[in-house]
N, C-alpha and C. Protein backbone atom coordinates (compact mmCIF):
# COMPACT_ATOMS: atom_id res chain seq x y z
N MET A 1 -24.70 46.09 10.16
CA MET A 1 -23.47 45.33 10.20
C MET A 1 -22.77 45.42 8.86
N LYS A 2 -21.50 45.75 8.90
CA LYS A 2 -20.73 45.88 7.67
C LYS A 2 -20.12 44.54 7.28
N THR A 3 -20.13 44.26 6.00
CA THR A 3 -19.51 43.06 5.48
C THR A 3 -18.11 43.43 5.00
N PRO A 4 -17.08 42.69 5.44
CA PRO A 4 -15.74 43.03 4.98
C PRO A 4 -15.60 42.78 3.48
N VAL A 5 -14.92 43.68 2.84
CA VAL A 5 -14.70 43.57 1.40
C VAL A 5 -13.21 43.37 1.17
N ILE A 6 -12.89 42.33 0.45
CA ILE A 6 -11.49 42.06 0.12
C ILE A 6 -11.26 42.60 -1.29
N PRO A 7 -10.32 43.52 -1.43
CA PRO A 7 -10.07 44.08 -2.76
C PRO A 7 -9.71 42.99 -3.76
N LEU A 8 -10.24 43.14 -4.96
CA LEU A 8 -10.01 42.17 -6.02
C LEU A 8 -8.52 42.00 -6.29
N GLY A 9 -7.77 43.06 -6.21
CA GLY A 9 -6.33 42.99 -6.46
C GLY A 9 -5.63 42.02 -5.51
N LEU A 10 -6.03 42.02 -4.24
CA LEU A 10 -5.42 41.09 -3.29
C LEU A 10 -5.75 39.65 -3.62
N LEU A 11 -6.98 39.41 -4.04
CA LEU A 11 -7.36 38.04 -4.43
C LEU A 11 -6.57 37.58 -5.64
N LEU A 12 -6.38 38.47 -6.60
CA LEU A 12 -5.62 38.11 -7.80
C LEU A 12 -4.16 37.83 -7.46
N ILE A 13 -3.59 38.64 -6.56
CA ILE A 13 -2.20 38.41 -6.16
C ILE A 13 -2.06 37.08 -5.45
N ALA A 14 -2.99 36.76 -4.56
CA ALA A 14 -2.94 35.48 -3.85
C ALA A 14 -3.05 34.32 -4.82
N GLY A 15 -3.95 34.43 -5.79
CA GLY A 15 -4.10 33.37 -6.78
C GLY A 15 -2.86 33.21 -7.63
N ALA A 16 -2.23 34.33 -7.99
CA ALA A 16 -1.02 34.27 -8.80
C ALA A 16 0.11 33.61 -8.03
N ALA A 17 0.20 33.87 -6.74
CA ALA A 17 1.26 33.25 -5.94
C ALA A 17 1.10 31.74 -5.93
N ASN A 18 -0.12 31.24 -5.80
CA ASN A 18 -0.35 29.80 -5.81
C ASN A 18 -0.06 29.21 -7.18
N ALA A 19 -0.43 29.93 -8.24
CA ALA A 19 -0.21 29.43 -9.60
C ALA A 19 1.28 29.35 -9.91
N ASN A 20 2.09 30.20 -9.27
CA ASN A 20 3.53 30.19 -9.52
C ASN A 20 4.30 29.33 -8.53
N ASP A 21 3.61 28.72 -7.61
CA ASP A 21 4.24 27.86 -6.61
C ASP A 21 5.02 26.75 -7.32
N GLU A 22 6.24 26.54 -6.91
CA GLU A 22 7.06 25.49 -7.49
C GLU A 22 6.41 24.13 -7.24
N VAL A 23 6.47 23.25 -8.24
CA VAL A 23 5.96 21.89 -8.09
C VAL A 23 7.12 21.01 -7.62
N VAL A 24 6.88 20.28 -6.54
CA VAL A 24 7.90 19.43 -5.95
C VAL A 24 7.38 18.00 -5.93
N VAL A 25 8.23 17.05 -6.29
CA VAL A 25 7.85 15.64 -6.24
C VAL A 25 8.46 15.05 -4.98
N ILE A 26 7.59 14.45 -4.16
CA ILE A 26 8.04 13.86 -2.90
C ILE A 26 7.72 12.37 -2.90
N ALA A 27 8.43 11.64 -2.05
CA ALA A 27 8.23 10.20 -1.98
C ALA A 27 8.23 9.74 -0.53
N SER A 28 7.48 8.68 -0.29
CA SER A 28 7.55 8.05 1.03
C SER A 28 8.72 7.09 1.02
N GLY A 29 9.30 6.87 2.16
CA GLY A 29 10.43 5.95 2.22
C GLY A 29 11.71 6.59 1.72
N ALA A 30 12.63 5.74 1.36
CA ALA A 30 13.98 6.20 1.01
C ALA A 30 14.24 6.17 -0.48
N LEU A 31 13.25 6.46 -1.30
CA LEU A 31 13.50 6.53 -2.74
C LEU A 31 14.56 7.59 -3.00
N PRO A 32 15.49 7.32 -3.92
CA PRO A 32 16.53 8.31 -4.23
C PRO A 32 15.97 9.45 -5.09
N LYS A 33 16.73 10.54 -5.17
CA LYS A 33 16.36 11.62 -6.08
C LYS A 33 16.35 11.06 -7.49
N VAL A 34 15.49 11.62 -8.35
CA VAL A 34 15.38 11.13 -9.72
C VAL A 34 15.60 12.28 -10.70
N ASP A 35 15.96 11.92 -11.92
CA ASP A 35 16.07 12.92 -12.97
C ASP A 35 14.75 12.96 -13.75
N LEU A 36 14.63 13.92 -14.64
CA LEU A 36 13.39 14.11 -15.39
C LEU A 36 12.99 12.87 -16.20
N PRO A 37 13.89 12.26 -16.97
CA PRO A 37 13.48 11.06 -17.72
C PRO A 37 12.95 9.93 -16.84
N THR A 38 13.56 9.74 -15.67
CA THR A 38 13.09 8.69 -14.76
C THR A 38 11.69 9.00 -14.26
N LEU A 39 11.45 10.25 -13.89
CA LEU A 39 10.13 10.66 -13.42
C LEU A 39 9.09 10.49 -14.53
N GLN A 40 9.45 10.85 -15.75
CA GLN A 40 8.53 10.68 -16.88
C GLN A 40 8.20 9.20 -17.09
N ARG A 41 9.20 8.34 -17.03
CA ARG A 41 8.96 6.90 -17.20
C ARG A 41 8.09 6.35 -16.08
N LEU A 42 8.27 6.85 -14.86
CA LEU A 42 7.47 6.39 -13.73
C LEU A 42 6.00 6.75 -13.92
N TYR A 43 5.72 8.00 -14.31
CA TYR A 43 4.33 8.44 -14.45
C TYR A 43 3.67 7.96 -15.74
N THR A 44 4.45 7.35 -16.63
CA THR A 44 3.85 6.76 -17.83
C THR A 44 3.88 5.23 -17.77
N GLY A 45 4.23 4.69 -16.62
CA GLY A 45 4.16 3.25 -16.43
C GLY A 45 5.26 2.45 -17.09
N ARG A 46 6.29 3.11 -17.57
CA ARG A 46 7.37 2.38 -18.25
C ARG A 46 8.34 1.75 -17.25
N ILE A 47 8.36 2.28 -16.02
CA ILE A 47 9.13 1.65 -14.95
C ILE A 47 8.24 1.59 -13.71
N VAL A 48 8.52 0.64 -12.83
CA VAL A 48 7.72 0.50 -11.60
C VAL A 48 8.60 0.52 -10.36
N SER A 49 9.89 0.77 -10.55
CA SER A 49 10.79 0.87 -9.40
C SER A 49 11.86 1.91 -9.68
N VAL A 50 12.42 2.42 -8.59
CA VAL A 50 13.51 3.39 -8.67
C VAL A 50 14.58 2.93 -7.70
N GLY A 51 15.78 2.71 -8.22
CA GLY A 51 16.87 2.28 -7.35
C GLY A 51 16.57 1.02 -6.57
N GLN A 52 16.06 0.01 -7.20
CA GLN A 52 15.74 -1.29 -6.59
C GLN A 52 14.57 -1.25 -5.62
N GLN A 53 13.84 -0.14 -5.55
CA GLN A 53 12.69 -0.04 -4.65
C GLN A 53 11.43 0.21 -5.47
N ALA A 54 10.37 -0.53 -5.17
CA ALA A 54 9.10 -0.33 -5.87
C ALA A 54 8.63 1.11 -5.66
N ALA A 55 8.09 1.69 -6.73
CA ALA A 55 7.59 3.06 -6.67
C ALA A 55 6.17 3.10 -7.21
N THR A 56 5.29 3.80 -6.50
CA THR A 56 3.88 3.90 -6.88
C THR A 56 3.52 5.36 -7.09
N PRO A 57 3.38 5.80 -8.35
CA PRO A 57 3.02 7.20 -8.57
C PRO A 57 1.56 7.48 -8.21
N LEU A 58 1.32 8.63 -7.63
CA LEU A 58 -0.02 9.09 -7.29
C LEU A 58 -0.32 10.32 -8.13
N ASN A 59 -1.59 10.52 -8.46
CA ASN A 59 -1.97 11.60 -9.37
C ASN A 59 -3.18 12.34 -8.83
N LEU A 60 -3.32 13.58 -9.21
CA LEU A 60 -4.54 14.33 -8.92
C LEU A 60 -5.57 14.02 -10.00
N SER A 61 -6.82 14.31 -9.73
CA SER A 61 -7.89 14.05 -10.69
C SER A 61 -7.76 14.94 -11.92
N ALA A 62 -8.28 14.45 -13.04
CA ALA A 62 -8.29 15.23 -14.27
C ALA A 62 -8.99 16.56 -14.03
N GLY A 63 -8.44 17.61 -14.62
CA GLY A 63 -9.01 18.94 -14.48
C GLY A 63 -8.40 19.76 -13.37
N ASP A 64 -7.65 19.14 -12.48
CA ASP A 64 -7.00 19.88 -11.40
C ASP A 64 -5.89 20.76 -11.99
N PRO A 65 -5.82 22.05 -11.61
CA PRO A 65 -4.80 22.94 -12.18
C PRO A 65 -3.36 22.48 -11.91
N LEU A 66 -3.11 21.91 -10.73
CA LEU A 66 -1.76 21.44 -10.43
C LEU A 66 -1.41 20.24 -11.30
N ARG A 67 -2.37 19.36 -11.53
CA ARG A 67 -2.14 18.21 -12.42
C ARG A 67 -1.79 18.71 -13.82
N LYS A 68 -2.53 19.71 -14.28
CA LYS A 68 -2.26 20.27 -15.61
C LYS A 68 -0.83 20.81 -15.68
N ARG A 69 -0.41 21.55 -14.66
CA ARG A 69 0.96 22.08 -14.64
C ARG A 69 1.98 20.95 -14.62
N PHE A 70 1.71 19.90 -13.85
CA PHE A 70 2.63 18.77 -13.78
C PHE A 70 2.71 18.06 -15.13
N LEU A 71 1.56 17.76 -15.72
CA LEU A 71 1.55 17.06 -17.00
C LEU A 71 2.29 17.85 -18.07
N GLU A 72 1.99 19.14 -18.16
CA GLU A 72 2.60 19.96 -19.21
C GLU A 72 4.06 20.26 -18.92
N GLY A 73 4.37 20.60 -17.67
CA GLY A 73 5.73 21.02 -17.33
C GLY A 73 6.71 19.88 -17.14
N VAL A 74 6.25 18.75 -16.65
CA VAL A 74 7.15 17.63 -16.35
C VAL A 74 7.04 16.54 -17.41
N LEU A 75 5.83 16.16 -17.76
CA LEU A 75 5.66 15.08 -18.74
C LEU A 75 5.60 15.58 -20.17
N GLY A 76 5.38 16.88 -20.36
CA GLY A 76 5.30 17.43 -21.71
C GLY A 76 4.06 16.98 -22.45
N GLN A 77 2.97 16.73 -21.71
CA GLN A 77 1.72 16.26 -22.32
C GLN A 77 0.55 17.11 -21.85
N THR A 78 -0.45 17.20 -22.70
CA THR A 78 -1.71 17.82 -22.29
C THR A 78 -2.53 16.77 -21.56
N GLU A 79 -3.59 17.21 -20.92
CA GLU A 79 -4.50 16.28 -20.24
C GLU A 79 -5.03 15.23 -21.23
N GLU A 80 -5.40 15.69 -22.42
CA GLU A 80 -5.95 14.78 -23.43
C GLU A 80 -4.92 13.76 -23.88
N GLN A 81 -3.69 14.19 -24.08
CA GLN A 81 -2.63 13.27 -24.50
C GLN A 81 -2.36 12.22 -23.42
N TYR A 82 -2.31 12.66 -22.17
CA TYR A 82 -2.03 11.74 -21.06
C TYR A 82 -3.16 10.72 -20.90
N THR A 83 -4.40 11.20 -20.96
CA THR A 83 -5.55 10.30 -20.84
C THR A 83 -5.57 9.31 -22.01
N GLY A 84 -5.32 9.79 -23.21
CA GLY A 84 -5.27 8.93 -24.38
C GLY A 84 -4.16 7.89 -24.29
N TYR A 85 -3.01 8.32 -23.81
CA TYR A 85 -1.88 7.41 -23.63
C TYR A 85 -2.29 6.24 -22.73
N TRP A 86 -2.93 6.56 -21.61
CA TRP A 86 -3.31 5.51 -20.67
C TRP A 86 -4.47 4.66 -21.18
N LEU A 87 -5.35 5.21 -21.99
CA LEU A 87 -6.42 4.40 -22.59
C LEU A 87 -5.81 3.31 -23.47
N VAL A 88 -4.85 3.69 -24.30
CA VAL A 88 -4.20 2.72 -25.19
C VAL A 88 -3.39 1.72 -24.36
N ARG A 89 -2.63 2.21 -23.41
CA ARG A 89 -1.78 1.33 -22.60
C ARG A 89 -2.62 0.29 -21.85
N ARG A 90 -3.74 0.73 -21.30
CA ARG A 90 -4.62 -0.21 -20.58
C ARG A 90 -5.22 -1.22 -21.57
N TYR A 91 -5.64 -0.74 -22.74
CA TYR A 91 -6.26 -1.60 -23.75
C TYR A 91 -5.33 -2.72 -24.19
N VAL A 92 -4.04 -2.41 -24.35
CA VAL A 92 -3.10 -3.44 -24.80
C VAL A 92 -2.51 -4.24 -23.64
N GLY A 93 -3.03 -4.01 -22.43
CA GLY A 93 -2.61 -4.80 -21.28
C GLY A 93 -1.27 -4.41 -20.69
N LYS A 94 -0.90 -3.16 -20.82
CA LYS A 94 0.40 -2.70 -20.32
C LYS A 94 0.29 -1.92 -19.01
N GLY A 95 -0.78 -2.13 -18.25
CA GLY A 95 -0.87 -1.49 -16.95
C GLY A 95 -2.04 -0.53 -16.83
N ALA A 96 -2.12 0.09 -15.67
CA ALA A 96 -3.19 1.04 -15.36
C ALA A 96 -2.56 2.36 -14.93
N PRO A 97 -3.28 3.45 -15.14
CA PRO A 97 -2.75 4.76 -14.76
C PRO A 97 -2.61 4.89 -13.25
N PRO A 98 -1.82 5.85 -12.80
CA PRO A 98 -1.68 6.06 -11.36
C PRO A 98 -3.03 6.35 -10.70
N GLN A 99 -3.16 5.93 -9.45
CA GLN A 99 -4.37 6.21 -8.69
C GLN A 99 -4.55 7.72 -8.58
N GLU A 100 -5.82 8.17 -8.70
CA GLU A 100 -6.11 9.60 -8.68
C GLU A 100 -6.80 10.02 -7.39
N PHE A 101 -6.55 11.26 -7.00
CA PHE A 101 -7.10 11.83 -5.78
C PHE A 101 -7.71 13.20 -6.08
N ALA A 102 -8.76 13.54 -5.36
CA ALA A 102 -9.47 14.79 -5.59
C ALA A 102 -8.70 16.01 -5.08
N THR A 103 -7.89 15.83 -4.03
CA THR A 103 -7.17 16.96 -3.45
C THR A 103 -5.73 16.57 -3.12
N VAL A 104 -4.90 17.58 -2.97
CA VAL A 104 -3.52 17.35 -2.57
C VAL A 104 -3.48 16.71 -1.19
N ASP A 105 -4.36 17.15 -0.28
CA ASP A 105 -4.37 16.58 1.07
C ASP A 105 -4.68 15.09 1.06
N GLU A 106 -5.64 14.66 0.21
CA GLU A 106 -5.94 13.23 0.09
C GLU A 106 -4.72 12.47 -0.44
N MET A 107 -4.06 13.07 -1.42
CA MET A 107 -2.89 12.43 -2.01
C MET A 107 -1.77 12.31 -0.96
N LEU A 108 -1.61 13.34 -0.13
CA LEU A 108 -0.58 13.30 0.92
C LEU A 108 -0.89 12.23 1.96
N ARG A 109 -2.17 12.03 2.28
CA ARG A 109 -2.53 10.97 3.23
C ARG A 109 -2.16 9.59 2.66
N GLN A 110 -2.44 9.40 1.37
CA GLN A 110 -2.09 8.13 0.72
C GLN A 110 -0.58 7.96 0.66
N LEU A 111 0.12 9.03 0.37
CA LEU A 111 1.58 8.99 0.33
C LEU A 111 2.15 8.53 1.67
N ALA A 112 1.60 9.06 2.75
CA ALA A 112 2.09 8.72 4.09
C ALA A 112 1.85 7.26 4.45
N SER A 113 0.84 6.64 3.86
CA SER A 113 0.50 5.26 4.23
C SER A 113 0.95 4.22 3.20
N THR A 114 1.64 4.64 2.15
CA THR A 114 2.04 3.72 1.09
C THR A 114 3.55 3.74 0.90
N PRO A 115 4.25 2.68 1.27
CA PRO A 115 5.70 2.65 1.04
C PRO A 115 6.03 2.79 -0.45
N GLY A 116 6.97 3.66 -0.76
CA GLY A 116 7.38 3.85 -2.15
C GLY A 116 6.47 4.74 -2.97
N ALA A 117 5.46 5.34 -2.35
CA ALA A 117 4.55 6.22 -3.09
C ALA A 117 5.28 7.50 -3.50
N VAL A 118 4.87 8.04 -4.65
CA VAL A 118 5.45 9.27 -5.19
C VAL A 118 4.31 10.20 -5.54
N ALA A 119 4.42 11.48 -5.16
CA ALA A 119 3.36 12.45 -5.43
C ALA A 119 3.98 13.81 -5.73
N TYR A 120 3.27 14.61 -6.52
CA TYR A 120 3.70 15.98 -6.79
C TYR A 120 2.78 16.92 -6.02
N VAL A 121 3.39 17.94 -5.43
CA VAL A 121 2.65 18.90 -4.62
C VAL A 121 3.25 20.28 -4.82
N PRO A 122 2.48 21.33 -4.54
CA PRO A 122 3.09 22.66 -4.54
C PRO A 122 4.05 22.76 -3.36
N VAL A 123 5.11 23.52 -3.52
CA VAL A 123 6.12 23.62 -2.47
C VAL A 123 5.51 24.08 -1.15
N SER A 124 4.44 24.84 -1.20
CA SER A 124 3.79 25.31 0.03
C SER A 124 3.11 24.19 0.80
N LYS A 125 2.89 23.03 0.18
CA LYS A 125 2.22 21.90 0.83
C LYS A 125 3.18 20.77 1.21
N VAL A 126 4.47 20.96 1.00
CA VAL A 126 5.43 19.91 1.32
C VAL A 126 5.50 19.74 2.84
N PRO A 127 5.23 18.52 3.33
CA PRO A 127 5.31 18.29 4.78
C PRO A 127 6.75 18.43 5.28
N SER A 128 6.91 18.83 6.52
CA SER A 128 8.27 18.95 7.06
C SER A 128 8.91 17.56 7.08
N GLY A 129 10.18 17.52 6.72
CA GLY A 129 10.91 16.27 6.69
C GLY A 129 10.62 15.40 5.48
N ALA A 130 9.90 15.93 4.49
CA ALA A 130 9.55 15.14 3.31
C ALA A 130 10.79 14.78 2.49
N ASN A 131 10.73 13.65 1.83
CA ASN A 131 11.80 13.20 0.94
C ASN A 131 11.53 13.79 -0.45
N ILE A 132 12.18 14.91 -0.76
CA ILE A 132 12.01 15.57 -2.06
C ILE A 132 12.92 14.87 -3.06
N ILE A 133 12.30 14.28 -4.10
CA ILE A 133 13.10 13.55 -5.09
C ILE A 133 13.23 14.29 -6.41
N TYR A 134 12.44 15.35 -6.62
CA TYR A 134 12.54 16.13 -7.86
C TYR A 134 11.88 17.49 -7.65
N ARG A 135 12.47 18.52 -8.25
CA ARG A 135 11.90 19.87 -8.21
C ARG A 135 11.66 20.34 -9.63
N ALA A 136 10.42 20.76 -9.89
CA ALA A 136 10.08 21.35 -11.19
C ALA A 136 9.86 22.84 -10.94
N GLY A 137 10.49 23.69 -11.70
CA GLY A 137 10.39 25.13 -11.49
C GLY A 137 8.96 25.63 -11.58
N GLY A 138 8.65 26.71 -10.87
CA GLY A 138 7.33 27.33 -10.93
C GLY A 138 7.11 27.99 -12.27
N LYS A 139 5.84 28.08 -12.68
CA LYS A 139 5.50 28.71 -13.96
C LYS A 139 4.60 29.86 -13.70
């Protein structure tokens, strides 16, 4: 019995396509589109609502490649800076970091069941009819 062999080049191309996938921020409910500073304030706990509606940011677990792209490309922070920021913020009683999820699919399930939830996903994972509130270019 022959075992199928997938050429390494095809695997690398597939991985590169996912790595370059545009990051899209989606929200449950009728949250309005946001600009970059608003999104940054939301994910750093400086605001808790957008357009008079409560907003709950959702995050992927530390070490996830998409989280790294989001932190660096949208928030302008490394994983260490973001974690440190939230350690200090929690210590001084200024809130808790966004809830974390192990996978994009888990985060999407939470998004669907939480009014005002906000999540970042690769454009290839955006559910049909999703409320896209921000687009970050692919890297």
